C-alpha cells in the first residue's frame, strides 16, 4: 500500500503518549486519516490502537482511565537483585564491584499492559486486512539488530531485510515499548527485544519505504525544545530518553530532507521524489521531565489539549 499520509509517533514517556493522542484528535478533525502508522516506545501503543480501529476520542478515554498499575508492576524477585558470583569475586575497583554485583538488568515488568490493551483495544491481531498499515520497530538487545514488525510489507523495490511481516499483537507493542534498563525486554523467537526509539532509528525511516505522499511526524520529546537540568534520578533518566530519541529523529529528518532536496533538483527522477514532512512537537517548556512515567487523568487531559493546540498551529502553518 503506497501513497496517502504516513503518521510517525515517536515515544519518550507517558507525556509523549498523551501528546500524540491529542495530535491524533486534531488530525482527525482536519480530515487527515493515515494509511501508514509507525510508532516506538509509548508511541507504539498509539500506533497499535489506531491500527485496531480506535479513533482519537477512544484513545483519549483509554489514557484517561489508565494508571501505573495498568501498565507495569515492580519486580518482586529480590533474590535475583544480587549477583552472588560477582559479589564474591575479588577486586579493588569499587565501581566495577558495585555494578557487577547488581543482578537485575531491568526494574519494571510491563505485563499488566497486556490485559489493559485487551480491555480497551481487544485482542486484535493486525494483518493485511487492516485498512491501516502498522509498523512497530524493535531492537535485539544482544546483537543490536533492528527488526521492523509490520502488518503489511512495503513495495518490493523499497524493502530491506529489517522488515518482518507478522500479525501484530500486544507482544510486539511491549517489545517496541521496552525502554532498556527500565522495562523487562519483550521476546520473539527466543530473542530479547527492546525499544527501538532509544537504541536505533526512530520510526520515520520505515514509513518512507511505503512511498507516502506526505508524512506527519509527532515528536513527543521535542527536537527543538530547550529544557532545564534534571533535579532527580527520574528526571535524569527522562532527559536521557528525550535526548536520544530527539537526536535519532533529528538524524532521520535530516536524511529525509536531504533526499527531498535531491528530488527537487532532479524533478524527472523516478527513483526519488519530494515528500512533504510536517513536524508536530511540544514547545518549551511543554511538560516537566519527571512526568516520564506519571499516569494521571488530569495531566492526560491537559497534555492532550496541548497536543491538539500544537497540531492546530502546525497544520495552520
C-alpha atoms as a PDB file:
ATOM      1  CA  UNK A   1       0.000   0.000   0.000  1.00  0.00           C
ATOM      2  CA  UNK A   2       1.598   3.252  -1.140  1.00  0.00           C
ATOM      3  CA  UNK A   3       0.505   6.876  -1.245  1.00  0.00           C
ATOM      4  CA  UNK A   4      -1.628   8.702   1.287  1.00  0.00           C
ATOM      5  CA  UNK A   5      -0.444  10.105   4.607  1.00  0.00           C
ATOM      6  CA  UNK A   6       2.100   8.413   6.851  1.00  0.00           C
ATOM      7  CA  UNK A   7       1.944   9.156  10.580  1.00  0.00           C
ATOM      8  CA  UNK A   8       5.046   8.758  12.758  1.00  0.00           C
ATOM      9  CA  UNK A   9       4.551   8.567  16.534  1.00  0.00           C
ATOM     10  CA  UNK A  10       7.840   8.734  18.392  1.00  0.00           C
ATOM     11  CA  UNK A  11       7.909   7.996  22.086  1.00  0.00           C
ATOM     12  CA  UNK A  12       9.506   9.377  25.205  1.00  0.00           C
ATOM     13  CA  UNK A  13       7.481   8.532  28.247  1.00  0.00           C
ATOM     14  CA  UNK A  14       3.826   8.849  29.152  1.00  0.00           C
ATOM     15  CA  UNK A  15       3.524  12.575  28.266  1.00  0.00           C
ATOM     16  CA  UNK A  16       4.555  11.730  24.694  1.00  0.00           C
ATOM     17  CA  UNK A  17       1.669   9.251  24.508  1.00  0.00           C
ATOM     18  CA  UNK A  18      -0.770  11.878  25.795  1.00  0.00           C
ATOM     19  CA  UNK A  19       0.636  14.484  23.405  1.00  0.00           C
ATOM     20  CA  UNK A  20       0.331  12.060  20.472  1.00  0.00           C
ATOM     21  CA  UNK A  21      -3.279  11.244  21.358  1.00  0.00           C
ATOM     22  CA  UNK A  22      -4.119  14.960  21.297  1.00  0.00           C
ATOM     23  CA  UNK A  23      -2.414  15.400  17.930  1.00  0.00           C
ATOM     24  CA  UNK A  24      -4.358  12.447  16.527  1.00  0.00           C
ATOM     25  CA  UNK A  25      -7.640  14.091  17.547  1.00  0.00           C
ATOM     26  CA  UNK A  26      -6.609  17.311  15.795  1.00  0.00           C
ATOM     27  CA  UNK A  27      -5.618  15.408  12.639  1.00  0.00           C
ATOM     28  CA  UNK A  28      -8.967  13.630  12.574  1.00  0.00           C
ATOM     29  CA  UNK A  29     -10.768  16.941  12.954  1.00  0.00           C
ATOM     30  CA  UNK A  30      -8.796  18.215   9.956  1.00  0.00           C
ATOM     31  CA  UNK A  31      -9.818  15.181   7.878  1.00  0.00           C
ATOM     32  CA  UNK A  32      -6.402  13.500   7.947  1.00  0.00           C
ATOM     33  CA  UNK A  33      -6.539   9.717   8.014  1.00  0.00           C
ATOM     34  CA  UNK A  34      -3.157   7.986   7.730  1.00  0.00           C
ATOM     35  CA  UNK A  35      -2.642   4.921   5.580  1.00  0.00           C
ATOM     36  CA  UNK A  36       0.613   4.014   7.360  1.00  0.00           C
ATOM     37  CA  UNK A  37       1.348   4.472  11.074  1.00  0.00           C
ATOM     38  CA  UNK A  38       4.675   3.798  12.743  1.00  0.00           C
ATOM     39  CA  UNK A  39       5.336   4.110  16.465  1.00  0.00           C
ATOM     40  CA  UNK A  40       8.021   3.335  19.016  1.00  0.00           C
ATOM     41  CA  UNK A  41       8.038   3.285  22.817  1.00  0.00           C
ATOM     42  CA  UNK A  42       4.674   4.579  24.093  1.00  0.00           C
ATOM     43  CA  UNK A  43       4.039   5.807  20.562  1.00  0.00           C
ATOM     44  CA  UNK A  44       3.787   2.113  19.633  1.00  0.00           C
ATOM     45  CA  UNK A  45       0.724   1.834  21.894  1.00  0.00           C
ATOM     46  CA  UNK A  46      -0.999   4.649  19.999  1.00  0.00           C
ATOM     47  CA  UNK A  47       0.007   3.183  16.626  1.00  0.00           C
ATOM     48  CA  UNK A  48      -1.335  -0.255  17.535  1.00  0.00           C
ATOM     49  CA  UNK A  49      -4.597   1.237  18.824  1.00  0.00           C
ATOM     50  CA  UNK A  50      -5.102   3.199  15.602  1.00  0.00           C
ATOM     51  CA  UNK A  51      -4.476   0.095  13.528  1.00  0.00           C
ATOM     52  CA  UNK A  52      -7.034  -1.786  15.640  1.00  0.00           C
ATOM     53  CA  UNK A  53      -9.674   0.812  14.797  1.00  0.00           C
ATOM     54  CA  UNK A  54      -9.663   3.204  17.751  1.00  0.00           C
ATOM     55  CA  UNK A  55     -10.257   6.864  16.941  1.00  0.00           C
ATOM     56  CA  UNK A  56      -8.758   9.830  18.738  1.00  0.00           C
ATOM     57  CA  UNK A  57     -11.585  10.109  21.262  1.00  0.00           C
ATOM     58  CA  UNK A  58     -11.387   6.411  22.195  1.00  0.00           C
ATOM     59  CA  UNK A  59      -7.626   6.743  22.508  1.00  0.00           C
ATOM     60  CA  UNK A  60      -8.058   9.710  24.861  1.00  0.00           C
ATOM     61  CA  UNK A  61     -10.514   7.763  27.013  1.00  0.00           C
ATOM     62  CA  UNK A  62      -8.088   4.852  27.210  1.00  0.00           C
ATOM     63  CA  UNK A  63      -5.238   7.009  28.524  1.00  0.00           C
ATOM     64  CA  UNK A  64      -7.518   8.856  30.961  1.00  0.00           C
ATOM     65  CA  UNK A  65      -8.565   5.542  32.513  1.00  0.00           C
ATOM     66  CA  UNK A  66      -5.045   4.152  32.759  1.00  0.00           C
ATOM     67  CA  UNK A  67      -2.940   4.269  35.922  1.00  0.00           C
ATOM     68  CA  UNK A  68       0.553   2.947  36.508  1.00  0.00           C
ATOM     69  CA  UNK A  69      -0.807  -0.343  37.865  1.00  0.00           C
ATOM     70  CA  UNK A  70      -2.479  -0.873  34.486  1.00  0.00           C
ATOM     71  CA  UNK A  71       0.894  -0.604  32.723  1.00  0.00           C
ATOM     72  CA  UNK A  72       3.643  -2.086  34.898  1.00  0.00           C
ATOM     73  CA  UNK A  73       4.491  -3.627  38.251  1.00  0.00           C
ATOM     74  CA  UNK A  74       7.754  -3.511  40.223  1.00  0.00           C
ATOM     75  CA  UNK A  75       9.987  -6.573  40.343  1.00  0.00           C
ATOM     76  CA  UNK A  76       9.495  -8.810  43.344  1.00  0.00           C
ATOM     77  CA  UNK A  77      12.219 -11.412  42.749  1.00  0.00           C
ATOM     78  CA  UNK A  78      14.548  -9.734  45.211  1.00  0.00           C
ATOM     79  CA  UNK A  79      16.665 -12.906  45.468  1.00  0.00           C
ATOM     80  CA  UNK A  80      17.933 -12.099  41.967  1.00  0.00           C
ATOM     81  CA  UNK A  81      18.786  -8.491  42.805  1.00  0.00           C
ATOM     82  CA  UNK A  82      22.296  -9.503  43.867  1.00  0.00           C
ATOM     83  CA  UNK A  83      24.693 -11.418  41.624  1.00  0.00           C
ATOM     84  CA  UNK A  84      26.274 -13.705  44.202  1.00  0.00           C
ATOM     85  CA  UNK A  85      29.025 -14.971  41.880  1.00  0.00           C
ATOM     86  CA  UNK A  86      30.197 -11.441  41.124  1.00  0.00           C
ATOM     87  CA  UNK A  87      29.814 -10.481  44.777  1.00  0.00           C
ATOM     88  CA  UNK A  88      32.489 -12.992  45.794  1.00  0.00           C
ATOM     89  CA  UNK A  89      34.921 -12.023  43.034  1.00  0.00           C
ATOM     90  CA  UNK A  90      37.941 -10.135  44.465  1.00  0.00           C
ATOM     91  CA  UNK A  91      38.612  -6.680  43.026  1.00  0.00           C
ATOM     92  CA  UNK A  92      39.973  -3.322  44.086  1.00  0.00           C
ATOM     93  CA  UNK A  93      37.637  -1.402  41.744  1.00  0.00           C
ATOM     94  CA  UNK A  94      34.635  -0.375  43.850  1.00  0.00           C
ATOM     95  CA  UNK A  95      32.611   0.825  40.850  1.00  0.00           C
ATOM     96  CA  UNK A  96      33.136  -2.442  38.964  1.00  0.00           C
ATOM     97  CA  UNK A  97      32.300  -4.370  42.124  1.00  0.00           C
ATOM     98  CA  UNK A  98      29.049  -2.467  42.743  1.00  0.00           C
ATOM     99  CA  UNK A  99      27.834  -2.676  39.146  1.00  0.00           C
ATOM    100  CA  UNK A 100      28.809  -6.315  38.754  1.00  0.00           C
ATOM    101  CA  UNK A 101      27.061  -7.289  41.973  1.00  0.00           C
ATOM    102  CA  UNK A 102      23.718  -5.936  40.726  1.00  0.00           C
ATOM    103  CA  UNK A 103      21.809  -8.915  39.341  1.00  0.00           C
ATOM    104  CA  UNK A 104      18.816  -7.044  37.925  1.00  0.00           C
ATOM    105  CA  UNK A 105      19.118  -5.742  34.367  1.00  0.00           C
ATOM    106  CA  UNK A 106      15.627  -4.193  34.339  1.00  0.00           C
ATOM    107  CA  UNK A 107      13.329  -2.783  37.028  1.00  0.00           C
ATOM    108  CA  UNK A 108       9.680  -2.867  35.905  1.00  0.00           C
ATOM    109  CA  UNK A 109       7.521  -5.629  34.428  1.00  0.00           C
ATOM    110  CA  UNK A 110       5.045  -4.311  31.785  1.00  0.00           C
ATOM    111  CA  UNK A 111       2.869  -7.458  31.942  1.00  0.00           C
ATOM    112  CA  UNK A 112      -0.238  -5.532  33.153  1.00  0.00           C
ATOM    113  CA  UNK A 113      -0.243  -3.624  29.845  1.00  0.00           C
ATOM    114  CA  UNK A 114      -1.287  -6.830  28.071  1.00  0.00           C
ATOM    115  CA  UNK A 115      -4.563  -7.029  29.984  1.00  0.00           C
ATOM    116  CA  UNK A 116      -5.099  -3.268  29.772  1.00  0.00           C
ATOM    117  CA  UNK A 117      -4.833  -3.171  25.984  1.00  0.00           C
ATOM    118  CA  UNK A 118      -7.068  -6.247  25.701  1.00  0.00           C
ATOM    119  CA  UNK A 119      -9.680  -4.366  27.732  1.00  0.00           C
ATOM    120  CA  UNK A 120      -9.538  -1.162  25.683  1.00  0.00           C
ATOM    121  CA  UNK A 121      -8.485  -2.372  22.232  1.00  0.00           C
ATOM    122  CA  UNK A 122      -9.454  -6.034  22.245  1.00  0.00           C
ATOM    123  CA  UNK A 123      -7.156  -8.903  21.378  1.00  0.00           C
ATOM    124  CA  UNK A 124      -6.520  -7.562  17.903  1.00  0.00           C
ATOM    125  CA  UNK A 125      -4.102  -9.266  15.539  1.00  0.00           C
ATOM    126  CA  UNK A 126      -3.312  -6.680  12.900  1.00  0.00           C
ATOM    127  CA  UNK A 127      -2.653  -8.143   9.480  1.00  0.00           C
ATOM    128  CA  UNK A 128      -3.080  -7.262   5.828  1.00  0.00           C
ATOM    129  CA  UNK A 129      -6.856  -6.974   6.210  1.00  0.00           C
ATOM    130  CA  UNK A 130      -6.470  -3.802   8.291  1.00  0.00           C
ATOM    131  CA  UNK A 131      -7.099  -0.508   6.464  1.00  0.00           C
ATOM    132  CA  UNK A 132      -4.025   0.961   8.144  1.00  0.00           C
ATOM    133  CA  UNK A 133      -0.524  -0.444   7.780  1.00  0.00           C
ATOM    134  CA  UNK A 134       1.185  -0.501  11.186  1.00  0.00           C
ATOM    135  CA  UNK A 135       4.963  -0.674  11.714  1.00  0.00           C
ATOM    136  CA  UNK A 136       6.452  -1.307  15.160  1.00  0.00           C
ATOM    137  CA  UNK A 137      10.277  -1.274  15.260  1.00  0.00           C
ATOM    138  CA  UNK A 138      12.288  -3.030  17.963  1.00  0.00           C
ATOM    139  CA  UNK A 139      15.928  -3.891  18.556  1.00  0.00           C
ATOM    140  CA  UNK A 140      17.547  -7.185  19.525  1.00  0.00           C
ATOM    141  CA  UNK A 141      19.037  -6.394  22.942  1.00  0.00           C
ATOM    142  CA  UNK A 142      22.038  -8.694  22.465  1.00  0.00           C
ATOM    143  CA  UNK A 143      23.031  -8.121  18.828  1.00  0.00           C
ATOM    144  CA  UNK A 144      21.693  -4.588  18.323  1.00  0.00           C
ATOM    145  CA  UNK A 145      19.929  -5.725  15.138  1.00  0.00           C
ATOM    146  CA  UNK A 146      16.823  -3.764  14.197  1.00  0.00           C
ATOM    147  CA  UNK A 147      13.594  -5.528  13.264  1.00  0.00           C
ATOM    148  CA  UNK A 148      10.542  -3.741  11.877  1.00  0.00           C
ATOM    149  CA  UNK A 149       7.409  -5.733  12.631  1.00  0.00           C
ATOM    150  CA  UNK A 150       4.736  -4.715  10.136  1.00  0.00           C
ATOM    151  CA  UNK A 151       1.193  -5.704   9.235  1.00  0.00           C
ATOM    152  CA  UNK A 152       1.966  -5.171   5.533  1.00  0.00           C
ATOM    153  CA  UNK A 153       5.287  -5.080   3.686  1.00  0.00           C
ATOM    154  CA  UNK A 154       6.388  -2.044   1.667  1.00  0.00           C
ATOM    155  CA  UNK A 155       6.768  -2.358  -2.134  1.00  0.00           C
ATOM    156  CA  UNK A 156       9.408  -4.887  -3.185  1.00  0.00           C
ATOM    157  CA  UNK A 157      11.666  -2.180  -4.597  1.00  0.00           C
ATOM    158  CA  UNK A 158      11.769  -0.454  -1.185  1.00  0.00           C
ATOM    159  CA  UNK A 159      12.089  -3.395   1.204  1.00  0.00           C
ATOM    160  CA  UNK A 160      15.117  -4.270   3.277  1.00  0.00           C
ATOM    161  CA  UNK A 161      15.916  -7.274   5.489  1.00  0.00           C
ATOM    162  CA  UNK A 162      14.779  -5.426   8.608  1.00  0.00           C
ATOM    163  CA  UNK A 163      11.083  -5.664   7.690  1.00  0.00           C
ATOM    164  CA  UNK A 164       9.190  -8.655   9.021  1.00  0.00           C
ATOM    165  CA  UNK A 165       5.512  -9.105   8.191  1.00  0.00           C
ATOM    166  CA  UNK A 166       3.524 -10.580  11.084  1.00  0.00           C
ATOM    167  CA  UNK A 167       0.071 -10.425  12.606  1.00  0.00           C
ATOM    168  CA  UNK A 168       0.845  -7.684  15.115  1.00  0.00           C
ATOM    169  CA  UNK A 169      -0.195  -8.353  18.703  1.00  0.00           C
ATOM    170  CA  UNK A 170       0.265  -6.755  22.104  1.00  0.00           C
ATOM    171  CA  UNK A 171       3.551  -8.678  22.429  1.00  0.00           C
ATOM    172  CA  UNK A 172       5.032  -6.627  19.578  1.00  0.00           C
ATOM    173  CA  UNK A 173       3.826  -3.458  21.291  1.00  0.00           C
ATOM    174  CA  UNK A 174       5.508  -4.462  24.553  1.00  0.00           C
ATOM    175  CA  UNK A 175       8.761  -5.201  22.701  1.00  0.00           C
ATOM    176  CA  UNK A 176       8.738  -1.818  20.970  1.00  0.00           C
ATOM    177  CA  UNK A 177       7.972  -0.040  24.250  1.00  0.00           C
ATOM    178  CA  UNK A 178      10.557  -1.859  26.415  1.00  0.00           C
ATOM    179  CA  UNK A 179      12.814   1.024  27.449  1.00  0.00           C
ATOM    180  CA  UNK A 180      16.264  -0.529  28.144  1.00  0.00           C
ATOM    181  CA  UNK A 181      17.157  -0.971  31.841  1.00  0.00           C
ATOM    182  CA  UNK A 182      13.707   0.308  32.841  1.00  0.00           C
ATOM    183  CA  UNK A 183      11.282  -2.289  31.439  1.00  0.00           C
ATOM    184  CA  UNK A 184      11.570  -6.043  31.036  1.00  0.00           C
ATOM    185  CA  UNK A 185      12.541  -6.785  27.393  1.00  0.00           C
ATOM    186  CA  UNK A 186       9.940  -8.219  25.074  1.00  0.00           C
ATOM    187  CA  UNK A 187      10.579 -11.537  23.396  1.00  0.00           C
ATOM    188  CA  UNK A 188      10.074 -13.128  19.992  1.00  0.00           C
ATOM    189  CA  UNK A 189      11.675 -16.348  18.736  1.00  0.00           C
ATOM    190  CA  UNK A 190      13.751 -16.528  21.951  1.00  0.00           C
ATOM    191  CA  UNK A 191      15.206 -13.068  21.292  1.00  0.00           C
ATOM    192  CA  UNK A 192      15.107 -10.277  23.857  1.00  0.00           C
ATOM    193  CA  UNK A 193      13.730  -7.129  22.189  1.00  0.00           C
ATOM    194  CA  UNK A 194      13.827  -3.548  23.423  1.00  0.00           C
ATOM    195  CA  UNK A 195      12.607  -0.077  22.490  1.00  0.00           C
ATOM    196  CA  UNK A 196      13.974   0.916  19.074  1.00  0.00           C
ATOM    197  CA  UNK A 197      13.400   4.614  19.713  1.00  0.00           C
ATOM    198  CA  UNK A 198      16.225   4.690  22.275  1.00  0.00           C
ATOM    199  CA  UNK A 199      18.613   2.304  20.549  1.00  0.00           C
ATOM    200  CA  UNK A 200      18.324   2.651  16.770  1.00  0.00           C
ATOM    201  CA  UNK A 201      16.473   4.677  14.189  1.00  0.00           C
ATOM    202  CA  UNK A 202      13.193   6.374  15.036  1.00  0.00           C
ATOM    203  CA  UNK A 203      10.026   5.234  13.265  1.00  0.00           C
ATOM    204  CA  UNK A 204      10.366   7.856  10.490  1.00  0.00           C
ATOM    205  CA  UNK A 205      12.768   5.775   8.396  1.00  0.00           C
ATOM    206  CA  UNK A 206      10.470   2.750   7.882  1.00  0.00           C
ATOM    207  CA  UNK A 207       7.404   4.734   6.757  1.00  0.00           C
ATOM    208  CA  UNK A 208       9.401   6.332   3.928  1.00  0.00           C
ATOM    209  CA  UNK A 209       9.698   2.833   2.438  1.00  0.00           C
ATOM    210  CA  UNK A 210       5.931   2.830   1.850  1.00  0.00           C
ATOM    211  CA  UNK A 211       6.257   5.810  -0.526  1.00  0.00           C
ATOM    212  CA  UNK A 212       3.695   8.087   1.141  1.00  0.00           C
ATOM    213  CA  UNK A 213       2.527  11.323  -0.445  1.00  0.00           C
ATOM    214  CA  UNK A 214       3.205  13.209   2.783  1.00  0.00           C
ATOM    215  CA  UNK A 215       4.437  12.465   6.302  1.00  0.00           C
ATOM    216  CA  UNK A 216       3.330  13.842   9.668  1.00  0.00           C
ATOM    217  CA  UNK A 217       5.902  13.339  12.422  1.00  0.00           C
ATOM    218  CA  UNK A 218       4.787  13.640  16.047  1.00  0.00           C
ATOM    219  CA  UNK A 219       7.780  14.095  18.340  1.00  0.00           C
ATOM    220  CA  UNK A 220       6.899  13.660  21.987  1.00  0.00           C
ATOM    221  CA  UNK A 221      10.410  14.640  23.038  1.00  0.00           C
ATOM    222  CA  UNK A 222      10.506  17.908  21.141  1.00  0.00           C
ATOM    223  CA  UNK A 223      13.522  18.193  18.866  1.00  0.00           C
ATOM    224  CA  UNK A 224      13.981  21.925  19.299  1.00  0.00           C
ATOM    225  CA  UNK A 225      12.758  22.287  22.867  1.00  0.00           C
ATOM    226  CA  UNK A 226      15.230  23.637  25.440  1.00  0.00           C
ATOM    227  CA  UNK A 227      14.991  22.217  28.934  1.00  0.00           C
ATOM    228  CA  UNK A 228      16.478  22.635  32.376  1.00  0.00           C
ATOM    229  CA  UNK A 229      18.960  20.426  34.206  1.00  0.00           C
ATOM    230  CA  UNK A 230      17.386  17.374  35.908  1.00  0.00           C
ATOM    231  CA  UNK A 231      16.883  17.563  39.662  1.00  0.00           C
ATOM    232  CA  UNK A 232      16.281  13.844  40.340  1.00  0.00           C
ATOM    233  CA  UNK A 233      17.309  10.419  39.055  1.00  0.00           C
ATOM    234  CA  UNK A 234      13.884  10.035  37.437  1.00  0.00           C
ATOM    235  CA  UNK A 235      14.280  13.361  35.642  1.00  0.00           C
ATOM    236  CA  UNK A 236      17.798  12.381  34.559  1.00  0.00           C
ATOM    237  CA  UNK A 237      16.511   9.123  33.030  1.00  0.00           C
ATOM    238  CA  UNK A 238      13.701  11.020  31.303  1.00  0.00           C
ATOM    239  CA  UNK A 239      16.164  13.588  29.931  1.00  0.00           C
ATOM    240  CA  UNK A 240      18.439  10.815  28.650  1.00  0.00           C
ATOM    241  CA  UNK A 241      15.500   9.176  26.873  1.00  0.00           C
ATOM    242  CA  UNK A 242      14.401  12.536  25.435  1.00  0.00           C
ATOM    243  CA  UNK A 243      17.887  13.398  24.188  1.00  0.00           C
ATOM    244  CA  UNK A 244      18.468  10.039  22.497  1.00  0.00           C
ATOM    245  CA  UNK A 245      15.017   9.963  20.894  1.00  0.00           C
ATOM    246  CA  UNK A 246      15.304  13.579  19.726  1.00  0.00           C
ATOM    247  CA  UNK A 247      18.785  13.066  18.289  1.00  0.00           C
ATOM    248  CA  UNK A 248      17.711   9.935  16.393  1.00  0.00           C
ATOM    249  CA  UNK A 249      14.632  11.654  15.000  1.00  0.00           C
ATOM    250  CA  UNK A 250      16.651  14.726  14.018  1.00  0.00           C
ATOM    251  CA  UNK A 251      19.057  12.472  12.101  1.00  0.00           C
ATOM    252  CA  UNK A 252      16.179  10.785  10.269  1.00  0.00           C
ATOM    253  CA  UNK A 253      14.587  14.128   9.476  1.00  0.00           C
ATOM    254  CA  UNK A 254      17.885  15.466   8.182  1.00  0.00           C
ATOM    255  CA  UNK A 255      18.280  12.467   5.880  1.00  0.00           C
ATOM    256  CA  UNK A 256      14.708  12.780   4.589  1.00  0.00           C
ATOM    257  CA  UNK A 257      15.149  16.492   3.933  1.00  0.00           C
ATOM    258  CA  UNK A 258      18.379  15.801   2.027  1.00  0.00           C
ATOM    259  CA  UNK A 259      16.538  13.287  -0.152  1.00  0.00           C
ATOM    260  CA  UNK A 260      13.803  15.878  -0.731  1.00  0.00           C
ATOM    261  CA  UNK A 261      16.367  18.453  -1.846  1.00  0.00           C
ATOM    262  CA  UNK A 262      17.901  15.979  -4.268  1.00  0.00           C
ATOM    263  CA  UNK A 263      14.451  15.095  -5.609  1.00  0.00           C
ATOM    264  CA  UNK A 264      13.662  18.769  -6.196  1.00  0.00           C
ATOM    265  CA  UNK A 265      16.965  19.160  -8.004  1.00  0.00           C
ATOM    266  CA  UNK A 266      16.069  16.289 -10.343  1.00  0.00           C
ATOM    267  CA  UNK A 267      12.276  16.553 -10.804  1.00  0.00           C
ATOM    268  CA  UNK A 268      12.218  13.923 -13.559  1.00  0.00           C
ATOM    269  CA  UNK A 269      13.693  11.197 -11.352  1.00  0.00           C
ATOM    270  CA  UNK A 270      11.638   8.017 -10.990  1.00  0.00           C
ATOM    271  CA  UNK A 271      13.733   6.829  -8.051  1.00  0.00           C
ATOM    272  CA  UNK A 272      13.322   9.662  -5.548  1.00  0.00           C
ATOM    273  CA  UNK A 273      10.545  12.211  -5.111  1.00  0.00           C
ATOM    274  CA  UNK A 274       9.834  15.138  -2.837  1.00  0.00           C
ATOM    275  CA  UNK A 275       7.739  14.037   0.164  1.00  0.00           C
ATOM    276  CA  UNK A 276       6.433  16.924   2.327  1.00  0.00           C
ATOM    277  CA  UNK A 277       7.136  16.360   6.035  1.00  0.00           C
ATOM    278  CA  UNK A 278       5.249  18.166   8.813  1.00  0.00           C
ATOM    279  CA  UNK A 279       6.783  18.071  12.308  1.00  0.00           C
ATOM    280  CA  UNK A 280       4.487  18.498  15.316  1.00  0.00           C
ATOM    281  CA  UNK A 281       6.304  18.792  18.630  1.00  0.00           C
ATOM    282  CA  UNK A 282       5.905  20.362  22.076  1.00  0.00           C
ATOM    283  CA  UNK A 283       7.283  23.844  22.519  1.00  0.00           C
ATOM    284  CA  UNK A 284       9.255  24.889  25.613  1.00  0.00           C
ATOM    285  CA  UNK A 285       8.669  24.025  28.333  1.00  0.00           C
ATOM    286  CA  UNK A 286       5.999  21.578  27.149  1.00  0.00           C
ATOM    287  CA  UNK A 287       5.776  19.400  30.265  1.00  0.00           C
ATOM    288  CA  UNK A 288       8.132  18.529  33.152  1.00  0.00           C
ATOM    289  CA  UNK A 289      10.733  15.793  32.706  1.00  0.00           C
ATOM    290  CA  UNK A 290       9.750  13.996  35.901  1.00  0.00           C
ATOM    291  CA  UNK A 291       6.377  13.090  34.353  1.00  0.00           C
ATOM    292  CA  UNK A 292       8.116  10.340  32.334  1.00  0.00           C
ATOM    293  CA  UNK A 293       6.059   7.552  33.976  1.00  0.00           C
ATOM    294  CA  UNK A 294       3.424   9.725  35.650  1.00  0.00           C
ATOM    295  CA  UNK A 295      -0.075   8.484  34.831  1.00  0.00           C
ATOM    296  CA  UNK A 296      -2.814  10.954  35.677  1.00  0.00           C
ATOM    297  CA  UNK A 297      -6.222  11.637  34.120  1.00  0.00           C
ATOM    298  CA  UNK A 298      -5.864  15.342  34.887  1.00  0.00           C
ATOM    299  CA  UNK A 299      -2.449  15.563  33.243  1.00  0.00           C
ATOM    300  CA  UNK A 300      -3.618  13.380  30.373  1.00  0.00           C
ATOM    301  CA  UNK A 301      -6.422  15.810  29.557  1.00  0.00           C
ATOM    302  CA  UNK A 302      -4.091  18.788  29.934  1.00  0.00           C
ATOM    303  CA  UNK A 303      -1.351  17.386  27.667  1.00  0.00           C
ATOM    304  CA  UNK A 304      -3.834  16.076  25.087  1.00  0.00           C
ATOM    305  CA  UNK A 305      -5.342  19.548  24.848  1.00  0.00           C
ATOM    306  CA  UNK A 306      -1.822  20.895  24.430  1.00  0.00           C
ATOM    307  CA  UNK A 307      -1.230  18.340  21.652  1.00  0.00           C
ATOM    308  CA  UNK A 308      -4.387  19.481  19.885  1.00  0.00           C
ATOM    309  CA  UNK A 309      -3.230  23.102  20.126  1.00  0.00           C
ATOM    310  CA  UNK A 310       0.245  22.370  18.780  1.00  0.00           C
ATOM    311  CA  UNK A 311      -1.180  20.285  15.951  1.00  0.00           C
ATOM    312  CA  UNK A 312      -3.623  23.054  15.060  1.00  0.00           C
ATOM    313  CA  UNK A 313      -0.779  25.589  14.844  1.00  0.00           C
ATOM    314  CA  UNK A 314       1.351  23.251  12.724  1.00  0.00           C
ATOM    315  CA  UNK A 315      -1.496  22.451  10.334  1.00  0.00           C
ATOM    316  CA  UNK A 316      -2.419  26.120  10.018  1.00  0.00           C
ATOM    317  CA  UNK A 317       1.179  26.997   9.256  1.00  0.00           C
END
